[in-house]
């Protein structure tokens, strides 16, 4: 990932611990250090545990609402059709600027998140 950005890759089964132990602490560290520029690569997603959905909702409130001004850019990179459709429908809810990119455009998504491309 380019300097000043965070990147996460998800595939397989997503569990609550993935949020609690990985995603949330890294996002909190980034907020403490400054602004958030994040990239999420979502590959083959087999299952999302119900408690992970709850953790996602809590994260959305905790960081998306209470720290809304910290978010600058978020890129969602995926070829998983339902992820692309769902994200497209809810882009307006993501704080800061947000875009969806196909997996083939991962390098472009990284540059965009870093502010190097329009």
N, C-alpha and C. Protein backbone atom coordinates (compact mmCIF):
# COMPACT_ATOMS: atom_id res chain seq x y z
N UNK A 1 0.83 -1.19 0.00
CA UNK A 1 0.00 0.00 0.00
C UNK A 1 0.87 1.25 0.00
N UNK A 2 0.41 2.29 -0.65
CA UNK A 2 1.15 3.55 -0.65
C UNK A 2 1.21 4.14 0.77
N UNK A 3 2.23 4.95 1.05
CA UNK A 3 2.33 5.59 2.36
C UNK A 3 1.06 6.39 2.69
N UNK A 4 0.66 6.33 3.96
CA UNK A 4 -0.51 7.07 4.39
C UNK A 4 -1.84 6.39 4.11
N UNK A 5 -1.78 5.14 3.66
CA UNK A 5 -3.00 4.39 3.37
C UNK A 5 -2.99 3.06 4.13
N UNK A 6 -4.16 2.48 4.27
CA UNK A 6 -4.32 1.15 4.87
C UNK A 6 -4.99 0.24 3.87
N UNK A 7 -4.56 -1.00 3.82
CA UNK A 7 -5.19 -1.97 2.93
C UNK A 7 -5.56 -3.22 3.68
N UNK A 8 -6.71 -3.78 3.33
CA UNK A 8 -7.19 -5.01 3.94
C UNK A 8 -7.65 -5.94 2.84
N UNK A 9 -7.43 -7.24 3.04
CA UNK A 9 -7.87 -8.25 2.09
C UNK A 9 -8.75 -9.25 2.83
N UNK A 10 -9.93 -9.52 2.28
CA UNK A 10 -10.85 -10.46 2.91
C UNK A 10 -11.23 -11.54 1.91
N UNK A 11 -11.25 -12.77 2.39
CA UNK A 11 -11.71 -13.88 1.58
C UNK A 11 -12.11 -15.02 2.51
N UNK A 12 -12.86 -15.94 1.96
CA UNK A 12 -13.29 -17.09 2.76
C UNK A 12 -14.39 -16.73 3.73
N UNK A 13 -14.22 -17.14 4.97
CA UNK A 13 -15.21 -16.91 6.03
C UNK A 13 -14.81 -15.69 6.85
N UNK A 14 -15.71 -14.74 6.99
CA UNK A 14 -15.46 -13.55 7.79
C UNK A 14 -16.11 -13.75 9.15
N UNK A 15 -15.32 -13.60 10.19
CA UNK A 15 -15.80 -13.81 11.56
C UNK A 15 -15.68 -12.52 12.36
N UNK A 16 -16.38 -12.48 13.47
CA UNK A 16 -16.37 -11.32 14.36
C UNK A 16 -14.94 -10.93 14.74
N UNK A 17 -14.12 -11.93 15.00
CA UNK A 17 -12.74 -11.68 15.41
C UNK A 17 -11.94 -10.95 14.34
N UNK A 18 -12.31 -11.12 13.08
CA UNK A 18 -11.63 -10.40 12.01
C UNK A 18 -11.82 -8.90 12.17
N UNK A 19 -12.98 -8.50 12.64
CA UNK A 19 -13.24 -7.08 12.92
C UNK A 19 -12.55 -6.65 14.21
N UNK A 20 -12.82 -7.39 15.27
CA UNK A 20 -12.37 -7.01 16.61
C UNK A 20 -10.84 -7.03 16.73
N UNK A 21 -10.20 -8.05 16.17
CA UNK A 21 -8.76 -8.23 16.35
C UNK A 21 -7.90 -7.60 15.26
N UNK A 22 -8.47 -7.36 14.08
CA UNK A 22 -7.68 -6.86 12.95
C UNK A 22 -8.15 -5.48 12.49
N UNK A 23 -9.34 -5.41 11.97
CA UNK A 23 -9.81 -4.20 11.31
C UNK A 23 -9.96 -3.00 12.26
N UNK A 24 -10.70 -3.19 13.33
CA UNK A 24 -10.98 -2.08 14.25
C UNK A 24 -9.70 -1.48 14.85
N UNK A 25 -8.79 -2.30 15.39
CA UNK A 25 -7.57 -1.69 15.97
C UNK A 25 -6.75 -0.90 14.94
N UNK A 26 -6.64 -1.40 13.73
CA UNK A 26 -5.86 -0.71 12.71
C UNK A 26 -6.52 0.61 12.30
N UNK A 27 -7.83 0.59 12.18
CA UNK A 27 -8.53 1.83 11.83
C UNK A 27 -8.43 2.86 12.96
N UNK A 28 -8.52 2.41 14.21
CA UNK A 28 -8.37 3.34 15.33
C UNK A 28 -6.97 3.95 15.36
N UNK A 29 -5.95 3.13 15.11
CA UNK A 29 -4.57 3.66 15.07
C UNK A 29 -4.43 4.71 13.98
N UNK A 30 -5.03 4.44 12.82
CA UNK A 30 -4.94 5.38 11.71
C UNK A 30 -5.66 6.69 12.03
N UNK A 31 -6.79 6.60 12.71
CA UNK A 31 -7.53 7.81 13.09
C UNK A 31 -6.69 8.64 14.06
N UNK A 32 -6.06 7.98 15.01
CA UNK A 32 -5.21 8.70 15.97
C UNK A 32 -4.05 9.39 15.28
N UNK A 33 -3.56 8.80 14.20
CA UNK A 33 -2.42 9.35 13.47
C UNK A 33 -2.83 10.41 12.46
N UNK A 34 -4.11 10.49 12.13
CA UNK A 34 -4.55 11.47 11.13
C UNK A 34 -5.77 11.02 10.39
N UNK A 35 -5.75 11.16 9.08
CA UNK A 35 -6.91 10.89 8.22
C UNK A 35 -6.90 9.43 7.74
N UNK A 36 -8.07 8.96 7.32
CA UNK A 36 -8.21 7.59 6.84
C UNK A 36 -8.31 7.54 5.32
N UNK A 37 -7.43 6.77 4.74
CA UNK A 37 -7.46 6.43 3.31
C UNK A 37 -7.33 4.92 3.27
N UNK A 38 -8.43 4.24 2.96
CA UNK A 38 -8.46 2.78 3.10
C UNK A 38 -8.83 2.09 1.79
N UNK A 39 -8.33 0.88 1.66
CA UNK A 39 -8.63 0.04 0.51
C UNK A 39 -9.00 -1.34 1.03
N UNK A 40 -10.07 -1.88 0.51
CA UNK A 40 -10.56 -3.20 0.91
C UNK A 40 -10.65 -4.08 -0.32
N UNK A 41 -9.88 -5.15 -0.35
CA UNK A 41 -9.96 -6.13 -1.44
C UNK A 41 -10.81 -7.28 -0.91
N UNK A 42 -11.92 -7.52 -1.58
CA UNK A 42 -12.82 -8.60 -1.17
C UNK A 42 -12.81 -9.64 -2.27
N UNK A 43 -12.21 -10.78 -1.94
CA UNK A 43 -12.10 -11.86 -2.91
C UNK A 43 -13.26 -12.82 -2.70
N UNK A 44 -13.06 -14.05 -3.03
CA UNK A 44 -14.13 -15.05 -2.89
C UNK A 44 -14.60 -15.08 -1.44
N UNK A 45 -15.82 -14.68 -1.23
CA UNK A 45 -16.40 -14.62 0.10
C UNK A 45 -17.36 -15.79 0.26
N UNK A 46 -17.00 -16.72 1.14
CA UNK A 46 -17.81 -17.91 1.33
C UNK A 46 -18.94 -17.69 2.32
N UNK A 47 -18.64 -16.99 3.41
CA UNK A 47 -19.65 -16.80 4.45
C UNK A 47 -19.26 -15.63 5.33
N UNK A 48 -20.27 -14.94 5.82
CA UNK A 48 -20.06 -13.89 6.80
C UNK A 48 -20.87 -14.25 8.03
N UNK A 49 -20.16 -14.57 9.10
CA UNK A 49 -20.78 -14.97 10.35
C UNK A 49 -21.72 -13.85 10.85
N UNK A 50 -22.93 -14.21 11.37
CA UNK A 50 -23.85 -13.18 11.85
C UNK A 50 -23.22 -12.21 12.85
N UNK A 51 -22.36 -12.69 13.72
CA UNK A 51 -21.71 -11.77 14.67
C UNK A 51 -20.74 -10.83 13.96
N UNK A 52 -20.24 -11.23 12.79
CA UNK A 52 -19.39 -10.34 12.00
C UNK A 52 -20.23 -9.23 11.39
N UNK A 53 -21.45 -9.54 10.99
CA UNK A 53 -22.36 -8.51 10.48
C UNK A 53 -22.65 -7.48 11.57
N UNK A 54 -22.85 -7.95 12.79
CA UNK A 54 -23.08 -7.04 13.91
C UNK A 54 -21.84 -6.18 14.16
N UNK A 55 -20.66 -6.80 14.12
CA UNK A 55 -19.41 -6.05 14.30
C UNK A 55 -19.25 -5.01 13.20
N UNK A 56 -19.67 -5.34 11.99
CA UNK A 56 -19.61 -4.40 10.88
C UNK A 56 -20.53 -3.21 11.13
N UNK A 57 -21.74 -3.48 11.62
CA UNK A 57 -22.68 -2.40 11.91
C UNK A 57 -22.14 -1.50 13.03
N UNK A 58 -21.56 -2.10 14.06
CA UNK A 58 -20.98 -1.32 15.16
C UNK A 58 -19.82 -0.47 14.67
N UNK A 59 -18.99 -1.06 13.81
CA UNK A 59 -17.86 -0.33 13.24
C UNK A 59 -18.36 0.85 12.42
N UNK A 60 -19.41 0.62 11.64
CA UNK A 60 -19.98 1.70 10.84
C UNK A 60 -20.42 2.87 11.69
N UNK A 61 -21.01 2.57 12.83
CA UNK A 61 -21.43 3.66 13.72
C UNK A 61 -20.23 4.29 14.42
N UNK A 62 -19.40 3.45 15.02
CA UNK A 62 -18.27 3.95 15.80
C UNK A 62 -17.33 4.82 14.97
N UNK A 63 -16.92 4.32 13.84
CA UNK A 63 -15.94 5.07 13.04
C UNK A 63 -16.59 5.89 11.93
N UNK A 64 -17.69 5.41 11.40
CA UNK A 64 -18.33 6.12 10.30
C UNK A 64 -19.12 7.34 10.73
N UNK A 65 -19.71 7.28 11.91
CA UNK A 65 -20.52 8.40 12.39
C UNK A 65 -19.72 9.28 13.34
N UNK A 66 -19.13 8.66 14.36
CA UNK A 66 -18.44 9.47 15.37
C UNK A 66 -17.11 10.05 14.88
N UNK A 67 -16.54 9.45 13.86
CA UNK A 67 -15.27 9.96 13.30
C UNK A 67 -15.42 10.25 11.81
N UNK A 68 -16.59 10.69 11.42
CA UNK A 68 -16.90 10.91 10.00
C UNK A 68 -15.88 11.80 9.29
N UNK A 69 -15.43 12.84 9.95
CA UNK A 69 -14.51 13.78 9.30
C UNK A 69 -13.11 13.20 9.08
N UNK A 70 -12.78 12.10 9.72
CA UNK A 70 -11.46 11.49 9.55
C UNK A 70 -11.33 10.74 8.22
N UNK A 71 -12.45 10.34 7.65
CA UNK A 71 -12.43 9.54 6.42
C UNK A 71 -12.21 10.43 5.20
N UNK A 72 -11.19 10.11 4.43
CA UNK A 72 -10.95 10.84 3.18
C UNK A 72 -11.38 10.03 1.97
N UNK A 73 -10.82 8.82 1.84
CA UNK A 73 -11.13 7.99 0.67
C UNK A 73 -11.16 6.52 1.06
N UNK A 74 -12.11 5.82 0.45
CA UNK A 74 -12.20 4.37 0.62
C UNK A 74 -12.42 3.75 -0.75
N UNK A 75 -11.62 2.74 -1.04
CA UNK A 75 -11.78 1.99 -2.29
C UNK A 75 -12.16 0.56 -1.94
N UNK A 76 -13.19 0.07 -2.59
CA UNK A 76 -13.61 -1.31 -2.44
C UNK A 76 -13.28 -1.99 -3.75
N UNK A 77 -12.45 -3.02 -3.68
CA UNK A 77 -11.98 -3.72 -4.88
C UNK A 77 -12.52 -5.14 -4.83
N UNK A 78 -13.33 -5.48 -5.81
CA UNK A 78 -13.93 -6.82 -5.80
C UNK A 78 -14.52 -7.15 -7.16
N UNK A 79 -14.58 -8.45 -7.42
CA UNK A 79 -15.31 -8.98 -8.56
C UNK A 79 -16.50 -9.81 -8.08
N UNK A 80 -16.72 -9.85 -6.76
CA UNK A 80 -17.86 -10.57 -6.20
C UNK A 80 -19.10 -9.73 -6.50
N UNK A 81 -19.96 -10.27 -7.37
CA UNK A 81 -21.06 -9.49 -7.91
C UNK A 81 -21.96 -8.86 -6.84
N UNK A 82 -22.34 -9.62 -5.83
CA UNK A 82 -23.26 -9.06 -4.83
C UNK A 82 -22.58 -7.99 -3.98
N UNK A 83 -21.28 -8.11 -3.77
CA UNK A 83 -20.54 -7.09 -3.02
C UNK A 83 -20.51 -5.80 -3.84
N UNK A 84 -20.22 -5.91 -5.11
CA UNK A 84 -20.16 -4.74 -5.99
C UNK A 84 -21.52 -4.04 -6.04
N UNK A 85 -22.60 -4.83 -6.22
CA UNK A 85 -23.95 -4.24 -6.27
C UNK A 85 -24.32 -3.59 -4.94
N UNK A 86 -24.13 -4.31 -3.84
CA UNK A 86 -24.51 -3.78 -2.52
C UNK A 86 -23.70 -2.53 -2.19
N UNK A 87 -22.42 -2.56 -2.46
CA UNK A 87 -21.57 -1.41 -2.17
C UNK A 87 -22.02 -0.22 -3.01
N UNK A 88 -22.31 -0.45 -4.28
CA UNK A 88 -22.77 0.62 -5.15
C UNK A 88 -24.05 1.28 -4.64
N UNK A 89 -24.94 0.48 -4.07
CA UNK A 89 -26.19 1.02 -3.54
C UNK A 89 -25.96 1.86 -2.28
N UNK A 90 -24.94 1.53 -1.52
CA UNK A 90 -24.71 2.20 -0.25
C UNK A 90 -23.50 3.11 -0.22
N UNK A 91 -22.94 3.43 -1.39
CA UNK A 91 -21.78 4.33 -1.43
C UNK A 91 -22.06 5.66 -0.75
N UNK A 92 -23.28 6.14 -0.86
CA UNK A 92 -23.64 7.43 -0.28
C UNK A 92 -23.52 7.43 1.24
N UNK A 93 -23.53 6.25 1.86
CA UNK A 93 -23.43 6.16 3.32
C UNK A 93 -21.98 6.10 3.81
N UNK A 94 -21.06 5.83 2.91
CA UNK A 94 -19.65 5.71 3.29
C UNK A 94 -19.07 7.11 3.44
N UNK A 95 -18.47 7.40 4.61
CA UNK A 95 -17.92 8.75 4.81
C UNK A 95 -16.76 9.04 3.85
N UNK A 96 -16.58 10.30 3.52
CA UNK A 96 -15.54 10.70 2.59
C UNK A 96 -15.90 10.27 1.17
N UNK A 97 -14.90 10.22 0.32
CA UNK A 97 -15.12 9.73 -1.04
C UNK A 97 -14.98 8.21 -1.04
N UNK A 98 -15.79 7.54 -1.83
CA UNK A 98 -15.70 6.09 -1.94
C UNK A 98 -15.96 5.67 -3.37
N UNK A 99 -15.22 4.67 -3.80
CA UNK A 99 -15.38 4.13 -5.16
C UNK A 99 -15.24 2.62 -5.12
N UNK A 100 -15.86 1.98 -6.10
CA UNK A 100 -15.74 0.54 -6.28
C UNK A 100 -14.89 0.31 -7.53
N UNK A 101 -13.94 -0.62 -7.43
CA UNK A 101 -13.06 -0.95 -8.54
C UNK A 101 -13.09 -2.46 -8.77
N UNK A 102 -13.01 -2.91 -10.02
CA UNK A 102 -12.85 -4.34 -10.28
C UNK A 102 -11.44 -4.77 -9.88
N UNK A 103 -11.27 -6.02 -9.61
CA UNK A 103 -9.98 -6.55 -9.17
C UNK A 103 -8.86 -6.22 -10.16
N UNK A 104 -9.16 -6.21 -11.44
CA UNK A 104 -8.14 -5.91 -12.45
C UNK A 104 -7.59 -4.49 -12.31
N UNK A 105 -8.30 -3.62 -11.60
CA UNK A 105 -7.86 -2.24 -11.42
C UNK A 105 -7.33 -1.96 -10.01
N UNK A 106 -6.78 -2.98 -9.37
CA UNK A 106 -6.26 -2.84 -8.02
C UNK A 106 -5.19 -1.75 -7.93
N UNK A 107 -4.26 -1.73 -8.87
CA UNK A 107 -3.20 -0.71 -8.83
C UNK A 107 -3.79 0.70 -8.97
N UNK A 108 -4.77 0.87 -9.84
CA UNK A 108 -5.43 2.16 -10.00
C UNK A 108 -6.15 2.54 -8.69
N UNK A 109 -6.79 1.57 -8.04
CA UNK A 109 -7.49 1.84 -6.77
C UNK A 109 -6.50 2.30 -5.71
N UNK A 110 -5.33 1.67 -5.66
CA UNK A 110 -4.30 2.08 -4.69
C UNK A 110 -3.86 3.52 -4.95
N UNK A 111 -3.64 3.86 -6.22
CA UNK A 111 -3.24 5.21 -6.55
C UNK A 111 -4.33 6.22 -6.20
N UNK A 112 -5.58 5.85 -6.47
CA UNK A 112 -6.70 6.76 -6.16
C UNK A 112 -6.81 7.00 -4.65
N UNK A 113 -6.72 5.93 -3.87
CA UNK A 113 -6.81 6.07 -2.41
C UNK A 113 -5.70 6.98 -1.90
N UNK A 114 -4.52 6.85 -2.48
CA UNK A 114 -3.38 7.67 -2.05
C UNK A 114 -3.48 9.12 -2.52
N UNK A 115 -4.41 9.36 -3.46
CA UNK A 115 -4.58 10.72 -3.96
C UNK A 115 -3.77 11.00 -5.21
N UNK A 116 -3.20 9.95 -5.82
CA UNK A 116 -2.37 10.12 -7.00
C UNK A 116 -3.12 10.06 -8.32
N UNK A 117 -4.41 9.71 -8.28
CA UNK A 117 -5.18 9.59 -9.52
C UNK A 117 -6.59 10.10 -9.28
N UNK A 118 -7.25 10.52 -10.34
CA UNK A 118 -8.62 11.01 -10.21
C UNK A 118 -9.62 9.94 -10.52
